[in-house]
PDB file of N, CA and C in Angstrom:
ATOM      1  N   MET A   1      65.180   8.077 106.977  1.00  0.00           N
ATOM      2  CA  MET A   1      65.528   6.848 106.321  1.00  0.00           C
ATOM      3  C   MET A   1      66.712   6.261 105.177  1.00  0.00           C
ATOM      4  N   THR A   2      67.200   5.896 105.656  1.00  0.00           N
ATOM      5  CA  THR A   2      68.688   5.473 104.630  1.00  0.00           C
ATOM      6  C   THR A   2      68.625   4.004 103.631  1.00  0.00           C
ATOM      7  N   VAL A   3      67.425   3.027 103.929  1.00  0.00           N
ATOM      8  CA  VAL A   3      66.916   2.323 102.894  1.00  0.00           C
ATOM      9  C   VAL A   3      65.878   2.550 102.829  1.00  0.00           C
ATOM     10  N   ARG A   4      65.393   2.515 101.106  1.00  0.00           N
ATOM     11  CA  ARG A   4      64.038   2.746 100.593  1.00  0.00           C
ATOM     12  C   ARG A   4      64.006   2.137  99.374  1.00  0.00           C
ATOM     13  N   LEU A   5      62.712   1.969  98.429  1.00  0.00           N
ATOM     14  CA  LEU A   5      62.462   1.955  97.812  1.00  0.00           C
ATOM     15  C   LEU A   5      61.689   2.923  97.170  1.00  0.00           C
ATOM     16  N   SER A   6      62.579   3.221  95.393  1.00  0.00           N
ATOM     17  CA  SER A   6      62.804   3.630  94.775  1.00  0.00           C
ATOM     18  C   SER A   6      62.739   3.149  92.759  1.00  0.00           C
ATOM     19  N   ASP A   7      61.685   3.565  92.307  1.00  0.00           N
ATOM     20  CA  ASP A   7      61.208   3.154  90.650  1.00  0.00           C
ATOM     21  C   ASP A   7      62.074   1.622  90.926  1.00  0.00           C
ATOM     22  N   ARG A   8      61.585   0.858  91.847  1.00  0.00           N
ATOM     23  CA  ARG A   8      62.093  -0.689  91.725  1.00  0.00           C
ATOM     24  C   ARG A   8      63.610  -0.956  91.797  1.00  0.00           C
ATOM     25  N   VAL A   9      63.943   0.077  92.514  1.00  0.00           N
ATOM     26  CA  VAL A   9      65.308  -0.366  93.184  1.00  0.00           C
ATOM     27  C   VAL A   9      65.339  -0.023  95.055  1.00  0.00           C
ATOM     28  N   ILE A  10      66.040  -0.864  95.289  1.00  0.00           N
ATOM     29  CA  ILE A  10      66.183  -0.568  96.428  1.00  0.00           C
ATOM     30  C   ILE A  10      67.809   0.199  96.897  1.00  0.00           C
ATOM     31  N   VAL A  11      67.495   0.872  97.650  1.00  0.00           N
ATOM     32  CA  VAL A  11      68.653   2.709  97.710  1.00  0.00           C
ATOM     33  C   VAL A  11      69.035   2.241  98.971  1.00  0.00           C
ATOM     34  N   LEU A  12      70.223   2.161  99.122  1.00  0.00           N
ATOM     35  CA  LEU A  12      71.258   2.190 100.285  1.00  0.00           C
ATOM     36  C   LEU A  12      71.607   3.959 100.334  1.00  0.00           C
ATOM     37  N   GLU A  13      71.778   4.748 101.301  1.00  0.00           N
ATOM     38  CA  GLU A  13      72.684   6.049 100.976  1.00  0.00           C
ATOM     39  C   GLU A  13      72.785   6.567 102.392  1.00  0.00           C
ATOM     40  N   GLY A  14      73.623   6.995 102.797  1.00  0.00           N
ATOM     41  CA  GLY A  14      74.236   7.682 103.870  1.00  0.00           C
ATOM     42  C   GLY A  14      75.206   6.474 104.612  1.00  0.00           C
ATOM     43  N   ASP A  15      74.712   6.661 106.128  1.00  0.00           N
ATOM     44  CA  ASP A  15      75.080   6.142 107.211  1.00  0.00           C
ATOM     45  C   ASP A  15      74.147   4.905 107.126  1.00  0.00           C
ATOM     46  N   CYS A  16      74.188   3.497 106.817  1.00  0.00           N
ATOM     47  CA  CYS A  16      73.193   2.933 107.397  1.00  0.00           C
ATOM     48  C   CYS A  16      73.289   1.960 108.321  1.00  0.00           C
ATOM     49  N   PRO A  17      72.457   2.402 109.768  1.00  0.00           N
ATOM     50  CA  PRO A  17      72.490   2.092 110.917  1.00  0.00           C
ATOM     51  C   PRO A  17      71.769   0.582 110.546  1.00  0.00           C
ATOM     52  N   VAL A  18      72.292  -0.085 112.189  1.00  0.00           N
ATOM     53  CA  VAL A  18      71.948  -1.462 112.734  1.00  0.00           C
ATOM     54  C   VAL A  18      70.032  -1.555 112.413  1.00  0.00           C
ATOM     55  N   ASP A  19      69.760  -0.515 113.173  1.00  0.00           N
ATOM     56  CA  ASP A  19      68.217  -0.434 112.579  1.00  0.00           C
ATOM     57  C   ASP A  19      67.249  -0.696 111.540  1.00  0.00           C
ATOM     58  N   GLU A  20      68.551  -0.442 110.258  1.00  0.00           N
ATOM     59  CA  GLU A  20      67.512  -0.384 108.965  1.00  0.00           C
ATOM     60  C   GLU A  20      67.513  -1.850 109.043  1.00  0.00           C
ATOM     61  N   ALA A  21      68.315  -3.036 109.109  1.00  0.00           N
ATOM     62  CA  ALA A  21      68.571  -4.092 108.974  1.00  0.00           C
ATOM     63  C   ALA A  21      67.114  -4.673 108.552  1.00  0.00           C
ATOM     64  N   GLU A  22      66.122  -4.793 109.332  1.00  0.00           N
ATOM     65  CA  GLU A  22      65.168  -4.950 109.264  1.00  0.00           C
ATOM     66  C   GLU A  22      63.908  -4.369 108.529  1.00  0.00           C
ATOM     67  N   ALA A  23      64.299  -2.930 107.905  1.00  0.00           N
ATOM     68  CA  ALA A  23      63.566  -2.630 106.943  1.00  0.00           C
ATOM     69  C   ALA A  23      64.539  -3.331 105.207  1.00  0.00           C
ATOM     70  N   LEU A  24      65.671  -3.279 105.165  1.00  0.00           N
ATOM     71  CA  LEU A  24      65.995  -3.775 104.195  1.00  0.00           C
ATOM     72  C   LEU A  24      65.741  -5.272 103.990  1.00  0.00           C
ATOM     73  N   LEU A  25      65.569  -6.208 104.726  1.00  0.00           N
ATOM     74  CA  LEU A  25      64.941  -7.601 104.649  1.00  0.00           C
ATOM     75  C   LEU A  25      63.535  -7.312 104.259  1.00  0.00           C
ATOM     76  N   ASP A  26      63.024  -6.587 104.963  1.00  0.00           N
ATOM     77  CA  ASP A  26      61.666  -6.338 104.730  1.00  0.00           C
ATOM     78  C   ASP A  26      61.281  -6.247 103.258  1.00  0.00           C
ATOM     79  N   LEU A  27      62.138  -5.318 102.743  1.00  0.00           N
ATOM     80  CA  LEU A  27      61.713  -4.812 100.880  1.00  0.00           C
ATOM     81  C   LEU A  27      62.614  -5.991  99.895  1.00  0.00           C
ATOM     82  N   LEU A  28      63.922  -6.458 100.676  1.00  0.00           N
ATOM     83  CA  LEU A  28      64.080  -7.407  99.851  1.00  0.00           C
ATOM     84  C   LEU A  28      63.205  -8.670  99.685  1.00  0.00           C
ATOM     85  N   LEU A  29      62.220  -8.847 100.705  1.00  0.00           N
ATOM     86  CA  LEU A  29      61.134 -10.015 100.674  1.00  0.00           C
ATOM     87  C   LEU A  29      60.091  -9.470 100.014  1.00  0.00           C
ATOM     88  N   ALA A  30      59.766  -8.367 100.318  1.00  0.00           N
ATOM     89  CA  ALA A  30      58.462  -8.031  99.093  1.00  0.00           C
ATOM     90  C   ALA A  30      58.758  -7.458  97.687  1.00  0.00           C
ATOM     91  N   ASN A  31      60.290  -7.197  97.782  1.00  0.00           N
ATOM     92  CA  ASN A  31      60.973  -7.392  96.046  1.00  0.00           C
ATOM     93  C   ASN A  31      61.841  -7.883  95.819  1.00  0.00           C
ATOM     94  N   PRO A  32      61.537  -9.709  95.448  1.00  0.00           N
ATOM     95  CA  PRO A  32      62.903 -10.275  95.528  1.00  0.00           C
ATOM     96  C   PRO A  32      63.558 -10.394  93.990  1.00  0.00           C
ATOM     97  N   ASN A  33      63.264  -9.650  93.289  1.00  0.00           N
ATOM     98  CA  ASN A  33      63.740  -9.278  91.805  1.00  0.00           C
ATOM     99  C   ASN A  33      64.618  -7.958  91.940  1.00  0.00           C
ATOM    100  N   ALA A  34      64.321  -7.188  93.214  1.00  0.00           N
ATOM    101  CA  ALA A  34      64.932  -5.652  93.031  1.00  0.00           C
ATOM    102  C   ALA A  34      66.174  -5.763  93.164  1.00  0.00           C
ATOM    103  N   PRO A  35      66.756  -4.794  92.645  1.00  0.00           N
ATOM    104  CA  PRO A  35      68.142  -4.228  92.767  1.00  0.00           C
ATOM    105  C   PRO A  35      68.922  -3.634  93.408  1.00  0.00           C
ATOM    106  N   VAL A  36      69.671  -3.853  94.551  1.00  0.00           N
ATOM    107  CA  VAL A  36      70.305  -3.007  95.388  1.00  0.00           C
ATOM    108  C   VAL A  36      71.367  -2.060  95.014  1.00  0.00           C
ATOM    109  N   ASP A  37      70.946  -0.256  94.885  1.00  0.00           N
ATOM    110  CA  ASP A  37      72.172   0.305  94.526  1.00  0.00           C
ATOM    111  C   ASP A  37      72.514   1.266  95.616  1.00  0.00           C
ATOM    112  N   TRP A  38      74.100   0.639  95.871  1.00  0.00           N
ATOM    113  CA  TRP A  38      74.524   1.578  97.354  1.00  0.00           C
ATOM    114  C   TRP A  38      75.743   2.855  96.203  1.00  0.00           C
ATOM    115  N   THR A  39      75.262   3.509  95.886  1.00  0.00           N
ATOM    116  CA  THR A  39      76.162   4.086  94.938  1.00  0.00           C
ATOM    117  C   THR A  39      76.482   5.492  96.320  1.00  0.00           C
ATOM    118  N   ALA A  40      75.508   5.721  96.701  1.00  0.00           N
ATOM    119  CA  ALA A  40      75.512   6.385  97.754  1.00  0.00           C
ATOM    120  C   ALA A  40      75.643   6.276  99.184  1.00  0.00           C
ATOM    121  N   CYS A  41      76.036   4.838  99.285  1.00  0.00           N
ATOM    122  CA  CYS A  41      76.353   4.061 100.993  1.00  0.00           C
ATOM    123  C   CYS A  41      77.861   4.828 101.660  1.00  0.00           C
ATOM    124  N   ARG A  42      77.854   5.572 102.262  1.00  0.00           N
ATOM    125  CA  ARG A  42      79.059   6.147 103.047  1.00  0.00           C
ATOM    126  C   ARG A  42      79.620   5.178 104.595  1.00  0.00           C
ATOM    127  N   GLN A  43      78.403   3.974 105.192  1.00  0.00           N
ATOM    128  CA  GLN A  43      78.867   3.267 105.935  1.00  0.00           C
ATOM    129  C   GLN A  43      77.392   2.398 106.121  1.00  0.00           C
ATOM    130  N   LEU A  44      77.898   1.443 106.424  1.00  0.00           N
ATOM    131  CA  LEU A  44      77.256  -0.123 105.760  1.00  0.00           C
ATOM    132  C   LEU A  44      77.485  -0.828 107.475  1.00  0.00           C
ATOM    133  N   HIS A  45      76.512  -1.057 108.666  1.00  0.00           N
ATOM    134  CA  HIS A  45      76.505  -1.804 109.647  1.00  0.00           C
ATOM    135  C   HIS A  45      76.343  -3.502 109.256  1.00  0.00           C
ATOM    136  N   SER A  46      77.397  -3.945 109.934  1.00  0.00           N
ATOM    137  CA  SER A  46      77.168  -5.037 109.475  1.00  0.00           C
ATOM    138  C   SER A  46      75.938  -6.268 109.751  1.00  0.00           C
ATOM    139  N   SER A  47      74.767  -5.549 109.986  1.00  0.00           N
ATOM    140  CA  SER A  47      73.963  -6.345 110.188  1.00  0.00           C
ATOM    141  C   SER A  47      73.391  -6.300 108.650  1.00  0.00           C
ATOM    142  N   LEU A  48      73.148  -5.386 108.006  1.00  0.00           N
ATOM    143  CA  LEU A  48      72.969  -5.020 106.568  1.00  0.00           C
ATOM    144  C   LEU A  48      73.738  -5.591 106.081  1.00  0.00           C
ATOM    145  N   VAL A  49      74.714  -5.789 105.565  1.00  0.00           N
ATOM    146  CA  VAL A  49      76.212  -6.488 105.206  1.00  0.00           C
ATOM    147  C   VAL A  49      75.603  -8.411 105.348  1.00  0.00           C
ATOM    148  N   GLN A  50      74.889  -8.947 106.593  1.00  0.00           N
ATOM    149  CA  GLN A  50      74.688 -10.032 106.739  1.00  0.00           C
ATOM    150  C   GLN A  50      73.142 -10.077 106.018  1.00  0.00           C
ATOM    151  N   VAL A  51      72.121  -9.278 105.934  1.00  0.00           N
ATOM    152  CA  VAL A  51      71.232  -9.138 105.222  1.00  0.00           C
ATOM    153  C   VAL A  51      71.678  -9.313 103.775  1.00  0.00           C
ATOM    154  N   LEU A  52      72.040  -8.742 103.256  1.00  0.00           N
ATOM    155  CA  LEU A  52      72.633  -8.753 101.655  1.00  0.00           C
ATOM    156  C   LEU A  52      73.761 -10.151 101.502  1.00  0.00           C
ATOM    157  N   LEU A  53      74.391 -10.588 102.239  1.00  0.00           N
ATOM    158  CA  LEU A  53      74.427 -12.076 102.060  1.00  0.00           C
ATOM    159  C   LEU A  53      73.894 -13.241 101.993  1.00  0.00           C
ATOM    160  N   ALA A  54      72.775 -13.193 102.777  1.00  0.00           N
ATOM    161  CA  ALA A  54      71.491 -14.111 102.733  1.00  0.00           C
ATOM    162  C   ALA A  54      71.046 -14.022 101.503  1.00  0.00           C
ATOM    163  N   ALA A  55      70.469 -12.948 101.377  1.00  0.00           N
ATOM    164  CA  ALA A  55      69.594 -12.932 100.081  1.00  0.00           C
ATOM    165  C   ALA A  55      70.380 -12.541  98.857  1.00  0.00           C
ATOM    166  N   ARG A  56      70.936 -12.444  98.672  1.00  0.00           N
ATOM    167  CA  ARG A  56      72.620 -12.229  97.556  1.00  0.00           C
ATOM    168  C   ARG A  56      71.321 -11.373  96.554  1.00  0.00           C
ATOM    169  N   PRO A  57      71.162  -9.720  96.703  1.00  0.00           N
ATOM    170  CA  PRO A  57      70.204  -9.268  95.207  1.00  0.00           C
ATOM    171  C   PRO A  57      71.432  -8.610  94.292  1.00  0.00           C
ATOM    172  N   ALA A  58      71.062  -8.512  93.548  1.00  0.00           N
ATOM    173  CA  ALA A  58      71.635  -7.725  92.227  1.00  0.00           C
ATOM    174  C   ALA A  58      71.926  -6.971  92.901  1.00  0.00           C
ATOM    175  N   MET A  59      73.438  -6.061  92.826  1.00  0.00           N
ATOM    176  CA  MET A  59      73.917  -5.175  93.096  1.00  0.00           C
ATOM    177  C   MET A  59      74.433  -4.272  92.312  1.00  0.00           C
ATOM    178  N   ARG A  60      73.917  -2.530  92.136  1.00  0.00           N
ATOM    179  CA  ARG A  60      74.245  -1.901  91.541  1.00  0.00           C
ATOM    180  C   ARG A  60      75.125  -0.997  91.870  1.00  0.00           C
ATOM    181  N   GLY A  61      75.880  -0.527  91.000  1.00  0.00           N
ATOM    182  CA  GLY A  61      77.434   0.609  91.654  1.00  0.00           C
ATOM    183  C   GLY A  61      78.346  -0.136  92.788  1.00  0.00           C
ATOM    184  N   VAL A  62      79.119   1.244  93.246  1.00  0.00           N
ATOM    185  CA  VAL A  62      80.330   0.951  94.090  1.00  0.00           C
ATOM    186  C   VAL A  62      80.115   1.796  95.547  1.00  0.00           C
ATOM    187  N   PRO A  63      79.949   1.307  96.227  1.00  0.00           N
ATOM    188  CA  PRO A  63      79.578   2.708  97.521  1.00  0.00           C
ATOM    189  C   PRO A  63      80.891   3.483  97.289  1.00  0.00           C
ATOM    190  N   GLU A  64      80.207   4.750  98.033  1.00  0.00           N
ATOM    191  CA  GLU A  64      81.049   5.679  98.595  1.00  0.00           C
ATOM    192  C   GLU A  64      82.592   5.656  99.263  1.00  0.00           C
ATOM    193  N   SER A  65      82.043   4.839 100.020  1.00  0.00           N
ATOM    194  CA  SER A  65      83.387   4.400 100.937  1.00  0.00           C
ATOM    195  C   SER A  65      84.565   3.365 100.452  1.00  0.00           C
ATOM    196  N   SER A  66      85.861   3.990 100.683  1.00  0.00           N
ATOM    197  CA  SER A  66      86.661   3.265 100.349  1.00  0.00           C
ATOM    198  C   SER A  66      86.565   1.818 100.736  1.00  0.00           C
ATOM    199  N   PHE A  67      86.403   1.589 102.065  1.00  0.00           N
ATOM    200  CA  PHE A  67      86.566   0.329 103.274  1.00  0.00           C
ATOM    201  C   PHE A  67      85.236  -0.293 102.801  1.00  0.00           C
ATOM    202  N   LEU A  68      84.018   0.070 102.230  1.00  0.00           N
ATOM    203  CA  LEU A  68      83.296  -0.554 101.813  1.00  0.00           C
ATOM    204  C   LEU A  68      83.296  -1.230 100.296  1.00  0.00           C
ATOM    205  N   GLN A  69      84.649  -0.422  99.772  1.00  0.00           N
ATOM    206  CA  GLN A  69      84.998  -0.806  98.061  1.00  0.00           C
ATOM    207  C   GLN A  69      86.053  -1.911  98.750  1.00  0.00           C
ATOM    208  N   ARG A  70      86.928  -2.058  99.288  1.00  0.00           N
ATOM    209  CA  ARG A  70      87.893  -2.575  99.647  1.00  0.00           C
ATOM    210  C   ARG A  70      87.836  -4.323 100.187  1.00  0.00           C
ATOM    211  N   TRP A  71      86.634  -4.111 101.327  1.00  0.00           N
ATOM    212  CA  TRP A  71      86.579  -4.689 102.185  1.00  0.00           C
ATOM    213  C   TRP A  71      85.172  -6.107 101.780  1.00  0.00           C
ATOM    214  N   ILE A  72      84.120  -4.908 101.246  1.00  0.00           N
ATOM    215  CA  ILE A  72      82.957  -5.618 101.766  1.00  0.00           C
ATOM    216  C   ILE A  72      82.147  -5.864 100.295  1.00  0.00           C
ATOM    217  N   VAL A  73      82.544  -5.207  99.420  1.00  0.00           N
ATOM    218  CA  VAL A  73      82.075  -5.074  97.941  1.00  0.00           C
ATOM    219  C   VAL A  73      82.524  -6.760  97.295  1.00  0.00           C
ATOM    220  N   PRO A  74      83.644  -6.859  97.780  1.00  0.00           N
ATOM    221  CA  PRO A  74      84.024  -8.197  96.999  1.00  0.00           C
ATOM    222  C   PRO A  74      83.276  -9.421  97.779  1.00  0.00           C
ATOM    223  N   ILE A  75      82.713  -9.410  98.695  1.00  0.00           N
ATOM    224  CA  ILE A  75      82.355 -10.109  99.641  1.00  0.00           C
ATOM    225  C   ILE A  75      81.040 -10.326  99.566  1.00  0.00           C
ATOM    226  N   VAL A  76      80.192  -8.891  99.188  1.00  0.00           N
ATOM    227  CA  VAL A  76      78.992  -9.306  98.632  1.00  0.00           C
ATOM    228  C   VAL A  76      78.750  -9.485  97.426  1.00  0.00           C
ATOM    229  N   GLN A  77      79.678  -9.064  96.628  1.00  0.00           N
ATOM    230  CA  GLN A  77      79.342  -9.204  95.335  1.00  0.00           C
ATOM    231  C   GLN A  77      79.969 -10.857  94.899  1.00  0.00           C
ATOM    232  N   GLY A  78      80.991 -11.308  95.719  1.00  0.00           N
ATOM    233  CA  GLY A  78      81.508 -12.638  95.242  1.00  0.00           C
ATOM    234  C   GLY A  78      82.404 -12.584  94.280  1.00  0.00           C
ATOM    235  N   SER A  79      83.509 -11.659  94.535  1.00  0.00           N
ATOM    236  CA  SER A  79      84.237 -11.131  93.804  1.00  0.00           C
ATOM    237  C   SER A  79      85.770 -12.064  94.682  1.00  0.00           C
TER     238      SER A  79
END
């Protein structure tokens, strides 16, 4: 599983596929103040990006992927 809760932090790691979007949404709804750590994230399906954009959680770290760093971080973090 690439989306999990660890010590009150939602962790995205590895390649996060489309079928993890519901798990991410469930974790965000159950833990509305939990930050999301995506430091170990290599790929992020657009469905998970949409969940992050809708929920606007606090984000921790910078993902491994240069694509995510260049194109997705500014959108998700509102930069």
